[in-house]
Amino acid sequence: MYTLICGFSSATVRASIMLTIYLGAKTIAKNQNSLNILALSAFIQLYHNPFLIFEIGFQLSYLAVWGLILYYPLFKKYTLFKYKLLQVL
Protein backbone atom coordinates (compact mmCIF):
# COMPACT_ATOMS: atom_id res chain seq x y z
CA MET A 1 0.00 0.00 0.00
CA TYR A 2 2.87 2.35 0.85
CA THR A 3 4.44 1.73 -2.55
CA LEU A 4 1.17 2.57 -4.24
CA ILE A 5 0.84 5.82 -2.27
CA CYS A 6 4.43 6.82 -3.13
CA GLY A 7 3.89 6.31 -6.84
CA PHE A 8 6.01 3.19 -7.33
CA SER A 9 9.39 4.91 -7.14
CA SER A 10 12.31 2.52 -7.45
CA ALA A 11 13.34 2.90 -3.80
CA THR A 12 9.89 2.01 -2.45
CA VAL A 13 9.53 -0.87 -4.89
CA ARG A 14 12.93 -2.16 -3.73
CA ALA A 15 11.84 -1.96 -0.11
CA SER A 16 8.56 -3.73 -0.84
CA ILE A 17 10.24 -6.52 -2.80
CA MET A 18 12.90 -7.01 -0.14
CA LEU A 19 10.33 -7.12 2.65
CA THR A 20 8.20 -9.61 0.73
CA ILE A 21 11.17 -11.90 0.04
CA TYR A 22 12.40 -11.65 3.63
CA LEU A 23 9.01 -12.47 5.13
CA GLY A 24 8.52 -15.32 2.65
CA ALA A 25 11.90 -16.82 3.53
CA LYS A 26 11.25 -16.42 7.23
CA THR A 27 7.85 -18.11 6.86
CA ILE A 28 9.34 -21.23 5.29
CA ALA A 29 12.27 -21.14 7.75
CA LYS A 30 15.01 -20.56 5.19
CA ASN A 31 18.18 -18.59 5.79
CA GLN A 32 17.58 -14.90 5.16
CA ASN A 33 20.85 -13.61 3.67
CA SER A 34 20.38 -9.87 3.22
CA LEU A 35 22.80 -9.52 0.31
CA ASN A 36 21.03 -12.30 -1.60
CA ILE A 37 17.67 -10.65 -0.94
CA LEU A 38 19.08 -7.33 -2.18
CA ALA A 39 20.44 -8.96 -5.35
CA LEU A 40 17.17 -10.78 -6.02
CA SER A 41 15.16 -7.59 -5.63
CA ALA A 42 17.49 -5.80 -8.08
CA PHE A 43 17.13 -8.68 -10.53
CA ILE A 44 13.33 -8.56 -10.28
CA GLN A 45 13.23 -4.82 -10.87
CA LEU A 46 15.68 -4.97 -13.75
CA TYR A 47 13.84 -7.90 -15.31
CA HIS A 48 10.68 -5.83 -15.29
CA ASN A 49 12.39 -2.64 -16.58
CA PRO A 50 16.04 -2.94 -17.70
CA PHE A 51 16.38 0.83 -18.12
CA LEU A 52 16.12 1.35 -14.35
CA ILE A 53 19.87 0.73 -14.22
CA PHE A 54 20.35 4.24 -15.60
CA GLU A 55 18.17 5.98 -12.99
CA ILE A 56 20.10 7.64 -10.19
CA GLY A 57 17.38 6.87 -7.63
CA PHE A 58 17.70 3.17 -8.35
CA GLN A 59 21.47 3.25 -8.11
CA LEU A 60 21.62 5.27 -4.90
CA SER A 61 18.92 3.19 -3.24
CA TYR A 62 20.73 -0.07 -3.84
CA LEU A 63 24.13 1.42 -3.01
CA ALA A 64 22.85 2.79 0.31
CA VAL A 65 21.23 -0.48 1.34
CA TRP A 66 24.30 -2.43 0.27
CA GLY A 67 26.48 -0.17 2.44
CA LEU A 68 24.15 -0.54 5.40
CA ILE A 69 24.13 -4.32 5.13
CA LEU A 70 27.91 -4.52 4.78
CA TYR A 71 29.00 -2.00 7.41
CA TYR A 72 26.32 -2.36 10.07
CA PRO A 73 28.13 -5.18 11.95
CA LEU A 74 31.28 -3.03 12.14
CA PHE A 75 29.44 -0.05 13.62
CA LYS A 76 27.29 -2.13 15.93
CA LYS A 77 30.17 -3.35 18.08
CA TYR A 78 31.30 0.25 18.74
CA THR A 79 27.94 1.57 19.89
CA LEU A 80 26.78 1.49 23.47
CA PHE A 81 23.28 2.51 24.44
CA LYS A 82 22.09 3.63 27.83
CA TYR A 83 18.82 1.69 27.50
CA LYS A 84 18.71 -2.08 26.96
CA LEU A 85 15.80 -1.78 24.54
CA LEU A 86 18.02 0.03 22.03
CA GLN A 87 20.83 -2.53 22.33
CA VAL A 88 18.59 -5.29 21.02
CA LEU A 89 18.41 -3.56 17.65
PDB file of N, CA and C in Angstrom:
ATOM      1  N   MET A   1       0.828  -1.187   0.000  1.00  0.00           N
ATOM      2  CA  MET A   1       0.000   0.000   0.000  1.00  0.00           C
ATOM      3  C   MET A   1       0.878   1.258   0.000  1.00  0.00           C
ATOM      4  N   TYR A   2       1.964   1.202   0.790  1.00  0.00           N
ATOM      5  CA  TYR A   2       2.870   2.354   0.850  1.00  0.00           C
ATOM      6  C   TYR A   2       3.499   2.620  -0.518  1.00  0.00           C
ATOM      7  N   THR A   3       3.854   1.571  -1.219  1.00  0.00           N
ATOM      8  CA  THR A   3       4.445   1.727  -2.548  1.00  0.00           C
ATOM      9  C   THR A   3       3.455   2.364  -3.506  1.00  0.00           C
ATOM     10  N   LEU A   4       2.212   1.990  -3.408  1.00  0.00           N
ATOM     11  CA  LEU A   4       1.166   2.573  -4.240  1.00  0.00           C
ATOM     12  C   LEU A   4       1.005   4.058  -3.937  1.00  0.00           C
ATOM     13  N   ILE A   5       0.994   4.413  -2.668  1.00  0.00           N
ATOM     14  CA  ILE A   5       0.840   5.815  -2.273  1.00  0.00           C
ATOM     15  C   ILE A   5       2.025   6.650  -2.757  1.00  0.00           C
ATOM     16  N   CYS A   6       3.228   6.080  -2.719  1.00  0.00           N
ATOM     17  CA  CYS A   6       4.433   6.815  -3.129  1.00  0.00           C
ATOM     18  C   CYS A   6       4.634   6.865  -4.636  1.00  0.00           C
ATOM     19  N   GLY A   7       3.788   6.227  -5.388  1.00  0.00           N
ATOM     20  CA  GLY A   7       3.886   6.313  -6.840  1.00  0.00           C
ATOM     21  C   GLY A   7       4.858   5.332  -7.465  1.00  0.00           C
ATOM     22  N   PHE A   8       5.143   4.248  -6.795  1.00  0.00           N
ATOM     23  CA  PHE A   8       6.005   3.192  -7.333  1.00  0.00           C
ATOM     24  C   PHE A   8       7.395   3.685  -7.716  1.00  0.00           C
ATOM     25  N   SER A   9       8.005   4.526  -6.868  1.00  0.00           N
ATOM     26  CA  SER A   9       9.392   4.914  -7.136  1.00  0.00           C
ATOM     27  C   SER A   9      10.284   3.701  -6.912  1.00  0.00           C
ATOM     28  N   SER A  10      11.461   3.714  -7.503  1.00  0.00           N
ATOM     29  CA  SER A  10      12.313   2.523  -7.452  1.00  0.00           C
ATOM     30  C   SER A  10      12.748   2.182  -6.021  1.00  0.00           C
ATOM     31  N   ALA A  11      12.925   3.177  -5.182  1.00  0.00           N
ATOM     32  CA  ALA A  11      13.336   2.899  -3.802  1.00  0.00           C
ATOM     33  C   ALA A  11      12.221   2.216  -3.015  1.00  0.00           C
ATOM     34  N   THR A  12      10.996   2.648  -3.195  1.00  0.00           N
ATOM     35  CA  THR A  12       9.895   2.013  -2.454  1.00  0.00           C
ATOM     36  C   THR A  12       9.577   0.631  -3.016  1.00  0.00           C
ATOM     37  N   VAL A  13       9.733   0.459  -4.306  1.00  0.00           N
ATOM     38  CA  VAL A  13       9.531  -0.869  -4.895  1.00  0.00           C
ATOM     39  C   VAL A  13      10.606  -1.818  -4.385  1.00  0.00           C
ATOM     40  N   ARG A  14      11.857  -1.340  -4.277  1.00  0.00           N
ATOM     41  CA  ARG A  14      12.932  -2.157  -3.730  1.00  0.00           C
ATOM     42  C   ARG A  14      12.607  -2.586  -2.301  1.00  0.00           C
ATOM     43  N   ALA A  15      12.165  -1.642  -1.497  1.00  0.00           N
ATOM     44  CA  ALA A  15      11.838  -1.960  -0.110  1.00  0.00           C
ATOM     45  C   ALA A  15      10.693  -2.972  -0.028  1.00  0.00           C
ATOM     46  N   SER A  16       9.697  -2.806  -0.858  1.00  0.00           N
ATOM     47  CA  SER A  16       8.560  -3.735  -0.845  1.00  0.00           C
ATOM     48  C   SER A  16       8.974  -5.138  -1.276  1.00  0.00           C
ATOM     49  N   ILE A  17       9.778  -5.210  -2.319  1.00  0.00           N
ATOM     50  CA  ILE A  17      10.236  -6.517  -2.801  1.00  0.00           C
ATOM     51  C   ILE A  17      11.106  -7.191  -1.751  1.00  0.00           C
ATOM     52  N   MET A  18      12.021  -6.427  -1.150  1.00  0.00           N
ATOM     53  CA  MET A  18      12.902  -7.010  -0.142  1.00  0.00           C
ATOM     54  C   MET A  18      12.114  -7.494   1.068  1.00  0.00           C
ATOM     55  N   LEU A  19      11.142  -6.719   1.502  1.00  0.00           N
ATOM     56  CA  LEU A  19      10.325  -7.119   2.645  1.00  0.00           C
ATOM     57  C   LEU A  19       9.518  -8.372   2.330  1.00  0.00           C
ATOM     58  N   THR A  20       8.970  -8.442   1.135  1.00  0.00           N
ATOM     59  CA  THR A  20       8.197  -9.614   0.735  1.00  0.00           C
ATOM     60  C   THR A  20       9.068 -10.867   0.687  1.00  0.00           C
ATOM     61  N   ILE A  21      10.257 -10.753   0.123  1.00  0.00           N
ATOM     62  CA  ILE A  21      11.166 -11.898   0.042  1.00  0.00           C
ATOM     63  C   ILE A  21      11.617 -12.314   1.440  1.00  0.00           C
ATOM     64  N   TYR A  22      11.950 -11.342   2.279  1.00  0.00           N
ATOM     65  CA  TYR A  22      12.397 -11.646   3.632  1.00  0.00           C
ATOM     66  C   TYR A  22      11.315 -12.362   4.431  1.00  0.00           C
ATOM     67  N   LEU A  23      10.103 -11.843   4.381  1.00  0.00           N
ATOM     68  CA  LEU A  23       9.013 -12.471   5.128  1.00  0.00           C
ATOM     69  C   LEU A  23       8.670 -13.845   4.564  1.00  0.00           C
ATOM     70  N   GLY A  24       8.758 -14.002   3.251  1.00  0.00           N
ATOM     71  CA  GLY A  24       8.523 -15.315   2.654  1.00  0.00           C
ATOM     72  C   GLY A  24       9.571 -16.327   3.076  1.00  0.00           C
ATOM     73  N   ALA A  25      10.829 -15.915   3.107  1.00  0.00           N
ATOM     74  CA  ALA A  25      11.902 -16.820   3.527  1.00  0.00           C
ATOM     75  C   ALA A  25      11.785 -17.151   5.010  1.00  0.00           C
ATOM     76  N   LYS A  26      11.403 -16.176   5.801  1.00  0.00           N
ATOM     77  CA  LYS A  26      11.245 -16.418   7.230  1.00  0.00           C
ATOM     78  C   LYS A  26      10.072 -17.356   7.503  1.00  0.00           C
ATOM     79  N   THR A  27       9.025 -17.254   6.696  1.00  0.00           N
ATOM     80  CA  THR A  27       7.854 -18.108   6.858  1.00  0.00           C
ATOM     81  C   THR A  27       8.183 -19.572   6.606  1.00  0.00           C
ATOM     82  N   ILE A  28       8.999 -19.835   5.591  1.00  0.00           N
ATOM     83  CA  ILE A  28       9.339 -21.229   5.288  1.00  0.00           C
ATOM     84  C   ILE A  28      10.646 -21.653   5.964  1.00  0.00           C
ATOM     85  N   ALA A  29      11.104 -20.837   6.906  1.00  0.00           N
ATOM     86  CA  ALA A  29      12.274 -21.144   7.749  1.00  0.00           C
ATOM     87  C   ALA A  29      13.547 -21.350   6.942  1.00  0.00           C
ATOM     88  N   LYS A  30      13.757 -20.538   5.949  1.00  0.00           N
ATOM     89  CA  LYS A  30      15.006 -20.562   5.190  1.00  0.00           C
ATOM     90  C   LYS A  30      15.934 -19.480   5.734  1.00  0.00           C
ATOM     91  N   ASN A  31      17.209 -19.581   5.376  1.00  0.00           N
ATOM     92  CA  ASN A  31      18.178 -18.590   5.786  1.00  0.00           C
ATOM     93  C   ASN A  31      17.912 -17.280   5.047  1.00  0.00           C
ATOM     94  N   GLN A  32      17.860 -16.188   5.770  1.00  0.00           N
ATOM     95  CA  GLN A  32      17.582 -14.897   5.159  1.00  0.00           C
ATOM     96  C   GLN A  32      18.896 -14.115   5.005  1.00  0.00           C
ATOM     97  N   ASN A  33      19.615 -14.334   3.941  1.00  0.00           N
ATOM     98  CA  ASN A  33      20.845 -13.609   3.671  1.00  0.00           C
ATOM     99  C   ASN A  33      20.480 -12.284   3.017  1.00  0.00           C
ATOM    100  N   SER A  34      20.809 -11.196   3.676  1.00  0.00           N
ATOM    101  CA  SER A  34      20.383  -9.872   3.223  1.00  0.00           C
ATOM    102  C   SER A  34      20.960  -9.500   1.865  1.00  0.00           C
ATOM    103  N   LEU A  35      22.204  -9.859   1.609  1.00  0.00           N
ATOM    104  CA  LEU A  35      22.797  -9.521   0.310  1.00  0.00           C
ATOM    105  C   LEU A  35      22.130 -10.285  -0.832  1.00  0.00           C
ATOM    106  N   ASN A  36      21.748 -11.529  -0.578  1.00  0.00           N
ATOM    107  CA  ASN A  36      21.031 -12.297  -1.603  1.00  0.00           C
ATOM    108  C   ASN A  36      19.644 -11.711  -1.852  1.00  0.00           C
ATOM    109  N   ILE A  37      18.985 -11.275  -0.793  1.00  0.00           N
ATOM    110  CA  ILE A  37      17.672 -10.651  -0.944  1.00  0.00           C
ATOM    111  C   ILE A  37      17.796  -9.353  -1.722  1.00  0.00           C
ATOM    112  N   LEU A  38      18.846  -8.579  -1.448  1.00  0.00           N
ATOM    113  CA  LEU A  38      19.083  -7.331  -2.181  1.00  0.00           C
ATOM    114  C   LEU A  38      19.331  -7.610  -3.660  1.00  0.00           C
ATOM    115  N   ALA A  39      20.139  -8.610  -3.951  1.00  0.00           N
ATOM    116  CA  ALA A  39      20.438  -8.958  -5.346  1.00  0.00           C
ATOM    117  C   ALA A  39      19.195  -9.462  -6.074  1.00  0.00           C
ATOM    118  N   LEU A  40      18.393 -10.270  -5.396  1.00  0.00           N
ATOM    119  CA  LEU A  40      17.174 -10.781  -6.020  1.00  0.00           C
ATOM    120  C   LEU A  40      16.178  -9.660  -6.297  1.00  0.00           C
ATOM    121  N   SER A  41      16.074  -8.703  -5.390  1.00  0.00           N
ATOM    122  CA  SER A  41      15.156  -7.586  -5.635  1.00  0.00           C
ATOM    123  C   SER A  41      15.640  -6.726  -6.804  1.00  0.00           C
ATOM    124  N   ALA A  42      16.952  -6.540  -6.926  1.00  0.00           N
ATOM    125  CA  ALA A  42      17.494  -5.798  -8.075  1.00  0.00           C
ATOM    126  C   ALA A  42      17.216  -6.560  -9.373  1.00  0.00           C
ATOM    127  N   PHE A  43      17.393  -7.873  -9.344  1.00  0.00           N
ATOM    128  CA  PHE A  43      17.128  -8.681 -10.529  1.00  0.00           C
ATOM    129  C   PHE A  43      15.663  -8.588 -10.944  1.00  0.00           C
ATOM    130  N   ILE A  44      14.763  -8.646  -9.974  1.00  0.00           N
ATOM    131  CA  ILE A  44      13.332  -8.565 -10.284  1.00  0.00           C
ATOM    132  C   ILE A  44      12.988  -7.219 -10.897  1.00  0.00           C
ATOM    133  N   GLN A  45      13.516  -6.153 -10.321  1.00  0.00           N
ATOM    134  CA  GLN A  45      13.230  -4.824 -10.868  1.00  0.00           C
ATOM    135  C   GLN A  45      13.828  -4.651 -12.259  1.00  0.00           C
ATOM    136  N   LEU A  46      15.044  -5.123 -12.449  1.00  0.00           N
ATOM    137  CA  LEU A  46      15.681  -4.973 -13.755  1.00  0.00           C
ATOM    138  C   LEU A  46      15.078  -5.895 -14.803  1.00  0.00           C
ATOM    139  N   TYR A  47      14.539  -7.016 -14.378  1.00  0.00           N
ATOM    140  CA  TYR A  47      13.844  -7.898 -15.313  1.00  0.00           C
ATOM    141  C   TYR A  47      12.575  -7.218 -15.822  1.00  0.00           C
ATOM    142  N   HIS A  48      11.913  -6.522 -14.918  1.00  0.00           N
ATOM    143  CA  HIS A  48      10.683  -5.826 -15.293  1.00  0.00           C
ATOM    144  C   HIS A  48      10.971  -4.592 -16.161  1.00  0.00           C
ATOM    145  N   ASN A  49      12.030  -3.842 -15.820  1.00  0.00           N
ATOM    146  CA  ASN A  49      12.385  -2.642 -16.577  1.00  0.00           C
ATOM    147  C   ASN A  49      13.912  -2.509 -16.594  1.00  0.00           C
ATOM    148  N   PRO A  50      14.576  -2.979 -17.650  1.00  0.00           N
ATOM    149  CA  PRO A  50      16.041  -2.941 -17.699  1.00  0.00           C
ATOM    150  C   PRO A  50      16.631  -1.533 -17.698  1.00  0.00           C
ATOM    151  N   PHE A  51      15.853  -0.536 -18.056  1.00  0.00           N
ATOM    152  CA  PHE A  51      16.375   0.827 -18.117  1.00  0.00           C
ATOM    153  C   PHE A  51      16.451   1.492 -16.749  1.00  0.00           C
ATOM    154  N   LEU A  52      15.988   0.815 -15.711  1.00  0.00           N
ATOM    155  CA  LEU A  52      16.121   1.350 -14.354  1.00  0.00           C
ATOM    156  C   LEU A  52      17.580   1.480 -13.948  1.00  0.00           C
ATOM    157  N   ILE A  53      18.449   0.700 -14.565  1.00  0.00           N
ATOM    158  CA  ILE A  53      19.865   0.726 -14.218  1.00  0.00           C
ATOM    159  C   ILE A  53      20.469   2.117 -14.448  1.00  0.00           C
ATOM    160  N   PHE A  54      19.847   2.911 -15.296  1.00  0.00           N
ATOM    161  CA  PHE A  54      20.355   4.242 -15.599  1.00  0.00           C
ATOM    162  C   PHE A  54      19.745   5.329 -14.719  1.00  0.00           C
ATOM    163  N   GLU A  55      18.790   4.988 -13.869  1.00  0.00           N
ATOM    164  CA  GLU A  55      18.171   5.983 -12.989  1.00  0.00           C
ATOM    165  C   GLU A  55      18.994   6.123 -11.713  1.00  0.00           C
ATOM    166  N   ILE A  56      19.260   7.367 -11.342  1.00  0.00           N
ATOM    167  CA  ILE A  56      20.101   7.636 -10.187  1.00  0.00           C
ATOM    168  C   ILE A  56      19.416   7.207  -8.883  1.00  0.00           C
ATOM    169  N   GLY A  57      18.102   7.298  -8.820  1.00  0.00           N
ATOM    170  CA  GLY A  57      17.378   6.870  -7.626  1.00  0.00           C
ATOM    171  C   GLY A  57      17.537   5.384  -7.379  1.00  0.00           C
ATOM    172  N   PHE A  58      17.494   4.617  -8.435  1.00  0.00           N
ATOM    173  CA  PHE A  58      17.697   3.166  -8.345  1.00  0.00           C
ATOM    174  C   PHE A  58      19.107   2.861  -7.864  1.00  0.00           C
ATOM    175  N   GLN A  59      20.083   3.502  -8.460  1.00  0.00           N
ATOM    176  CA  GLN A  59      21.475   3.248  -8.113  1.00  0.00           C
ATOM    177  C   GLN A  59      21.780   3.634  -6.672  1.00  0.00           C
ATOM    178  N   LEU A  60      21.335   4.813  -6.261  1.00  0.00           N
ATOM    179  CA  LEU A  60      21.616   5.272  -4.902  1.00  0.00           C
ATOM    180  C   LEU A  60      20.881   4.436  -3.861  1.00  0.00           C
ATOM    181  N   SER A  61      19.681   4.018  -4.171  1.00  0.00           N
ATOM    182  CA  SER A  61      18.922   3.194  -3.240  1.00  0.00           C
ATOM    183  C   SER A  61      19.635   1.879  -2.971  1.00  0.00           C
ATOM    184  N   TYR A  62      20.048   1.213  -4.012  1.00  0.00           N
ATOM    185  CA  TYR A  62      20.732  -0.066  -3.840  1.00  0.00           C
ATOM    186  C   TYR A  62      22.121   0.109  -3.231  1.00  0.00           C
ATOM    187  N   LEU A  63      22.809   1.172  -3.589  1.00  0.00           N
ATOM    188  CA  LEU A  63      24.127   1.421  -3.011  1.00  0.00           C
ATOM    189  C   LEU A  63      24.028   1.710  -1.519  1.00  0.00           C
ATOM    190  N   ALA A  64      23.025   2.474  -1.113  1.00  0.00           N
ATOM    191  CA  ALA A  64      22.847   2.790   0.306  1.00  0.00           C
ATOM    192  C   ALA A  64      22.505   1.547   1.114  1.00  0.00           C
ATOM    193  N   VAL A  65      21.607   0.733   0.617  1.00  0.00           N
ATOM    194  CA  VAL A  65      21.230  -0.478   1.344  1.00  0.00           C
ATOM    195  C   VAL A  65      22.396  -1.463   1.375  1.00  0.00           C
ATOM    196  N   TRP A  66      23.124  -1.566   0.309  1.00  0.00           N
ATOM    197  CA  TRP A  66      24.304  -2.434   0.269  1.00  0.00           C
ATOM    198  C   TRP A  66      25.318  -2.002   1.331  1.00  0.00           C
ATOM    199  N   GLY A  67      25.560  -0.693   1.429  1.00  0.00           N
ATOM    200  CA  GLY A  67      26.478  -0.173   2.444  1.00  0.00           C
ATOM    201  C   GLY A  67      25.989  -0.437   3.851  1.00  0.00           C
ATOM    202  N   LEU A  68      24.704  -0.266   4.080  1.00  0.00           N
ATOM    203  CA  LEU A  68      24.153  -0.535   5.403  1.00  0.00           C
ATOM    204  C   LEU A  68      24.303  -2.004   5.782  1.00  0.00           C
ATOM    205  N   ILE A  69      24.023  -2.882   4.847  1.00  0.00           N
ATOM    206  CA  ILE A  69      24.135  -4.320   5.126  1.00  0.00           C
ATOM    207  C   ILE A  69      25.587  -4.697   5.401  1.00  0.00           C
ATOM    208  N   LEU A  70      26.509  -4.152   4.634  1.00  0.00           N
ATOM    209  CA  LEU A  70      27.910  -4.518   4.777  1.00  0.00           C
ATOM    210  C   LEU A  70      28.558  -3.937   6.026  1.00  0.00           C
ATOM    211  N   TYR A  71      28.276  -2.682   6.339  1.00  0.00           N
ATOM    212  CA  TYR A  71      29.003  -2.003   7.411  1.00  0.00           C
ATOM    213  C   TYR A  71      28.277  -1.942   8.739  1.00  0.00           C
ATOM    214  N   TYR A  72      27.046  -2.389   8.810  1.00  0.00           N
ATOM    215  CA  TYR A  72      26.318  -2.363  10.068  1.00  0.00           C
ATOM    216  C   TYR A  72      26.995  -3.196  11.165  1.00  0.00           C
ATOM    217  N   PRO A  73      27.467  -4.413  10.881  1.00  0.00           N
ATOM    218  CA  PRO A  73      28.132  -5.181  11.949  1.00  0.00           C
ATOM    219  C   PRO A  73      29.379  -4.483  12.501  1.00  0.00           C
ATOM    220  N   LEU A  74      30.088  -3.740  11.668  1.00  0.00           N
ATOM    221  CA  LEU A  74      31.279  -3.029  12.138  1.00  0.00           C
ATOM    222  C   LEU A  74      30.905  -1.900  13.095  1.00  0.00           C
ATOM    223  N   PHE A  75      29.856  -1.163  12.771  1.00  0.00           N
ATOM    224  CA  PHE A  75      29.444  -0.051  13.615  1.00  0.00           C
ATOM    225  C   PHE A  75      28.727  -0.519  14.871  1.00  0.00           C
ATOM    226  N   LYS A  76      28.076  -1.647  14.801  1.00  0.00           N
ATOM    227  CA  LYS A  76      27.290  -2.126  15.934  1.00  0.00           C
ATOM    228  C   LYS A  76      28.156  -2.439  17.150  1.00  0.00           C
ATOM    229  N   LYS A  77      29.336  -2.982  16.934  1.00  0.00           N
ATOM    230  CA  LYS A  77      30.166  -3.346  18.075  1.00  0.00           C
ATOM    231  C   LYS A  77      30.788  -2.127  18.768  1.00  0.00           C
ATOM    232  N   TYR A  78      30.752  -0.956  18.131  1.00  0.00           N
ATOM    233  CA  TYR A  78      31.300   0.248  18.740  1.00  0.00           C
ATOM    234  C   TYR A  78      30.246   1.142  19.383  1.00  0.00           C
ATOM    235  N   THR A  79      29.000   0.744  19.308  1.00  0.00           N
ATOM    236  CA  THR A  79      27.945   1.575  19.887  1.00  0.00           C
ATOM    237  C   THR A  79      27.467   1.001  21.205  1.00  0.00           C
ATOM    238  N   LEU A  80      27.319   1.863  22.173  1.00  0.00           N
ATOM    239  CA  LEU A  80      26.782   1.494  23.467  1.00  0.00           C
ATOM    240  C   LEU A  80      25.577   2.379  23.748  1.00  0.00           C
ATOM    241  N   PHE A  81      24.487   1.765  24.154  1.00  0.00           N
ATOM    242  CA  PHE A  81      23.281   2.511  24.442  1.00  0.00           C
ATOM    243  C   PHE A  81      22.997   2.467  25.937  1.00  0.00           C
ATOM    244  N   LYS A  82      22.427   3.543  26.424  1.00  0.00           N
ATOM    245  CA  LYS A  82      22.085   3.625  27.834  1.00  0.00           C
ATOM    246  C   LYS A  82      20.938   2.675  28.170  1.00  0.00           C
ATOM    247  N   TYR A  83      20.002   2.515  27.260  1.00  0.00           N
ATOM    248  CA  TYR A  83      18.825   1.694  27.499  1.00  0.00           C
ATOM    249  C   TYR A  83      18.975   0.343  26.811  1.00  0.00           C
ATOM    250  N   LYS A  84      18.598  -0.715  27.498  1.00  0.00           N
ATOM    251  CA  LYS A  84      18.708  -2.076  26.957  1.00  0.00           C
ATOM    252  C   LYS A  84      17.830  -2.300  25.744  1.00  0.00           C
ATOM    253  N   LEU A  85      16.702  -1.614  25.684  1.00  0.00           N
ATOM    254  CA  LEU A  85      15.803  -1.780  24.545  1.00  0.00           C
ATOM    255  C   LEU A  85      16.486  -1.409  23.232  1.00  0.00           C
ATOM    256  N   LEU A  86      17.317  -0.392  23.242  1.00  0.00           N
ATOM    257  CA  LEU A  86      18.018   0.035  22.035  1.00  0.00           C
ATOM    258  C   LEU A  86      19.165  -0.895  21.666  1.00  0.00           C
ATOM    259  N   GLN A  87      19.726  -1.614  22.632  1.00  0.00           N
ATOM    260  CA  GLN A  87      20.827  -2.532  22.334  1.00  0.00           C
ATOM    261  C   GLN A  87      20.369  -3.766  21.596  1.00  0.00           C
ATOM    262  N   VAL A  88      19.115  -4.113  21.706  1.00  0.00           N
ATOM    263  CA  VAL A  88      18.589  -5.286  21.016  1.00  0.00           C
ATOM    264  C   VAL A  88      18.637  -5.082  19.518  1.00  0.00           C
ATOM    265  N   LEU A  89      18.432  -3.859  19.068  1.00  0.00           N
ATOM    266  CA  LEU A  89      18.415  -3.559  17.646  1.00  0.00           C
ATOM    267  C   LEU A  89      19.797  -3.704  17.101  1.00  0.00           C
TER     268      LEU A  89
END
